[in-house]
Amino acid sequence: MRTAVSYGGDIDTLGAMVGGILAAGVGREGIPASWRAAVEPYPEWFRVARAARTASSQP
């Protein structure tokens, strides 16, 4: 990950793509805890949409 983003350019997109690939390979526990702790929370609209979807799928 560090190598990928150290090249410069569109590092946020590159970091997202490389991070997704790495996470798929190592799982949540393979990602350093300090990195997981630094992840930004979901925006409020996402939490509201998720809650609405969950509520609508329950009988």
N, C-alpha and C. Protein backbone atom coordinates (compact mmCIF):
# COMPACT_ATOMS: atom_id res chain seq x y z
N MET A 1 0.83 -1.17 0.00
CA MET A 1 0.00 0.00 0.00
C MET A 1 0.88 1.24 0.00
N ARG A 2 1.82 1.29 0.89
CA ARG A 2 2.69 2.48 0.95
C ARG A 2 3.44 2.68 -0.35
N THR A 3 3.90 1.60 -0.95
CA THR A 3 4.62 1.69 -2.22
C THR A 3 3.70 2.24 -3.31
N ALA A 4 2.48 1.75 -3.34
CA ALA A 4 1.54 2.18 -4.37
C ALA A 4 1.26 3.67 -4.29
N VAL A 5 0.98 4.18 -3.10
CA VAL A 5 0.62 5.60 -2.99
C VAL A 5 1.84 6.52 -3.00
N SER A 6 3.02 5.97 -2.86
CA SER A 6 4.21 6.82 -2.88
C SER A 6 4.58 7.26 -4.30
N TYR A 7 3.96 6.68 -5.32
CA TYR A 7 4.25 7.05 -6.70
C TYR A 7 3.68 8.41 -7.07
N GLY A 8 2.71 8.90 -6.31
CA GLY A 8 2.11 10.19 -6.62
C GLY A 8 0.96 10.04 -7.59
N GLY A 9 0.54 11.16 -8.14
CA GLY A 9 -0.60 11.15 -9.06
C GLY A 9 -1.91 11.06 -8.30
N ASP A 10 -2.82 10.28 -8.80
CA ASP A 10 -4.16 10.14 -8.21
C ASP A 10 -4.11 9.13 -7.07
N ILE A 11 -3.45 9.52 -5.97
CA ILE A 11 -3.18 8.55 -4.91
C ILE A 11 -4.41 8.13 -4.12
N ASP A 12 -5.46 8.96 -4.08
CA ASP A 12 -6.64 8.53 -3.34
C ASP A 12 -7.35 7.39 -4.06
N THR A 13 -7.44 7.50 -5.39
CA THR A 13 -8.05 6.42 -6.16
C THR A 13 -7.18 5.17 -6.13
N LEU A 14 -5.90 5.36 -6.33
CA LEU A 14 -4.97 4.23 -6.30
C LEU A 14 -5.00 3.54 -4.94
N GLY A 15 -5.00 4.34 -3.87
CA GLY A 15 -5.06 3.78 -2.53
C GLY A 15 -6.34 3.00 -2.28
N ALA A 16 -7.46 3.50 -2.80
CA ALA A 16 -8.73 2.79 -2.64
C ALA A 16 -8.71 1.46 -3.37
N MET A 17 -8.18 1.46 -4.59
CA MET A 17 -8.14 0.22 -5.37
C MET A 17 -7.18 -0.80 -4.74
N VAL A 18 -5.98 -0.36 -4.41
CA VAL A 18 -5.01 -1.28 -3.81
C VAL A 18 -5.51 -1.75 -2.44
N GLY A 19 -6.08 -0.85 -1.67
CA GLY A 19 -6.62 -1.22 -0.37
C GLY A 19 -7.71 -2.27 -0.46
N GLY A 20 -8.59 -2.13 -1.44
CA GLY A 20 -9.65 -3.12 -1.64
C GLY A 20 -9.11 -4.48 -2.00
N ILE A 21 -8.11 -4.49 -2.87
CA ILE A 21 -7.50 -5.76 -3.27
C ILE A 21 -6.79 -6.41 -2.08
N LEU A 22 -6.03 -5.60 -1.34
CA LEU A 22 -5.33 -6.14 -0.17
C LEU A 22 -6.31 -6.67 0.88
N ALA A 23 -7.35 -5.91 1.15
CA ALA A 23 -8.33 -6.33 2.14
C ALA A 23 -9.02 -7.63 1.74
N ALA A 24 -9.29 -7.78 0.45
CA ALA A 24 -9.91 -9.02 -0.02
C ALA A 24 -8.98 -10.21 0.23
N GLY A 25 -7.68 -9.96 0.16
CA GLY A 25 -6.72 -11.04 0.36
C GLY A 25 -6.41 -11.36 1.80
N VAL A 26 -6.36 -10.34 2.66
CA VAL A 26 -5.93 -10.57 4.04
C VAL A 26 -7.07 -10.51 5.05
N GLY A 27 -8.23 -10.01 4.64
CA GLY A 27 -9.35 -9.89 5.57
C GLY A 27 -9.18 -8.72 6.53
N ARG A 28 -10.21 -8.46 7.30
CA ARG A 28 -10.21 -7.32 8.21
C ARG A 28 -9.06 -7.38 9.21
N GLU A 29 -8.79 -8.54 9.75
CA GLU A 29 -7.75 -8.66 10.77
C GLU A 29 -6.34 -8.52 10.19
N GLY A 30 -6.19 -8.63 8.90
CA GLY A 30 -4.89 -8.46 8.27
C GLY A 30 -4.52 -7.01 8.05
N ILE A 31 -5.47 -6.10 8.30
CA ILE A 31 -5.22 -4.67 8.14
C ILE A 31 -4.81 -4.12 9.50
N PRO A 32 -3.70 -3.38 9.58
CA PRO A 32 -3.26 -2.86 10.88
C PRO A 32 -4.37 -2.09 11.61
N ALA A 33 -4.47 -2.30 12.89
CA ALA A 33 -5.52 -1.66 13.69
C ALA A 33 -5.46 -0.15 13.57
N SER A 34 -4.27 0.42 13.51
CA SER A 34 -4.15 1.88 13.40
C SER A 34 -4.75 2.38 12.08
N TRP A 35 -4.66 1.59 11.03
CA TRP A 35 -5.27 1.98 9.75
C TRP A 35 -6.78 1.90 9.85
N ARG A 36 -7.28 0.82 10.47
CA ARG A 36 -8.74 0.69 10.60
C ARG A 36 -9.31 1.81 11.46
N ALA A 37 -8.58 2.21 12.48
CA ALA A 37 -9.06 3.26 13.38
C ALA A 37 -9.11 4.62 12.68
N ALA A 38 -8.28 4.81 11.66
CA ALA A 38 -8.21 6.09 10.97
C ALA A 38 -9.24 6.25 9.86
N VAL A 39 -10.04 5.22 9.60
CA VAL A 39 -11.03 5.28 8.53
C VAL A 39 -12.12 6.27 8.91
N GLU A 40 -12.50 7.10 7.95
CA GLU A 40 -13.56 8.07 8.20
C GLU A 40 -14.90 7.35 8.36
N PRO A 41 -15.76 7.85 9.22
CA PRO A 41 -17.08 7.21 9.39
C PRO A 41 -17.94 7.42 8.15
N TYR A 42 -18.93 6.56 7.99
CA TYR A 42 -19.88 6.75 6.89
C TYR A 42 -20.61 8.08 7.07
N PRO A 43 -20.98 8.74 5.98
CA PRO A 43 -21.75 9.99 6.11
C PRO A 43 -23.16 9.68 6.64
N GLU A 44 -23.79 10.68 7.18
CA GLU A 44 -25.12 10.51 7.78
C GLU A 44 -26.12 9.96 6.78
N TRP A 45 -26.09 10.43 5.53
CA TRP A 45 -27.07 9.96 4.54
C TRP A 45 -26.92 8.47 4.30
N PHE A 46 -25.70 7.93 4.41
CA PHE A 46 -25.49 6.51 4.20
C PHE A 46 -26.10 5.71 5.36
N ARG A 47 -25.90 6.20 6.58
CA ARG A 47 -26.48 5.51 7.74
C ARG A 47 -28.01 5.50 7.67
N VAL A 48 -28.58 6.63 7.25
CA VAL A 48 -30.04 6.72 7.13
C VAL A 48 -30.55 5.75 6.06
N ALA A 49 -29.87 5.71 4.91
CA ALA A 49 -30.28 4.82 3.82
C ALA A 49 -30.15 3.36 4.24
N ARG A 50 -29.08 3.02 4.93
CA ARG A 50 -28.90 1.64 5.38
C ARG A 50 -29.99 1.25 6.38
N ALA A 51 -30.32 2.15 7.31
CA ALA A 51 -31.36 1.86 8.29
C ALA A 51 -32.71 1.68 7.60
N ALA A 52 -33.00 2.50 6.61
CA ALA A 52 -34.27 2.39 5.89
C ALA A 52 -34.34 1.08 5.11
N ARG A 53 -33.23 0.70 4.50
CA ARG A 53 -33.21 -0.55 3.75
C ARG A 53 -33.39 -1.75 4.68
N THR A 54 -32.72 -1.71 5.82
CA THR A 54 -32.84 -2.79 6.79
C THR A 54 -34.26 -2.89 7.31
N ALA A 55 -34.87 -1.73 7.62
CA ALA A 55 -36.23 -1.72 8.14
C ALA A 55 -37.23 -2.24 7.11
N SER A 56 -36.99 -1.92 5.83
CA SER A 56 -37.95 -2.33 4.79
C SER A 56 -37.83 -3.83 4.46
N SER A 57 -36.71 -4.44 4.80
CA SER A 57 -36.54 -5.86 4.48
C SER A 57 -37.01 -6.78 5.61
N GLN A 58 -37.40 -6.21 6.74
CA GLN A 58 -37.88 -7.02 7.85
C GLN A 58 -39.39 -7.20 7.71
N PRO A 59 -39.88 -8.42 8.05
CA PRO A 59 -41.33 -8.68 7.91
C PRO A 59 -42.19 -7.87 8.86
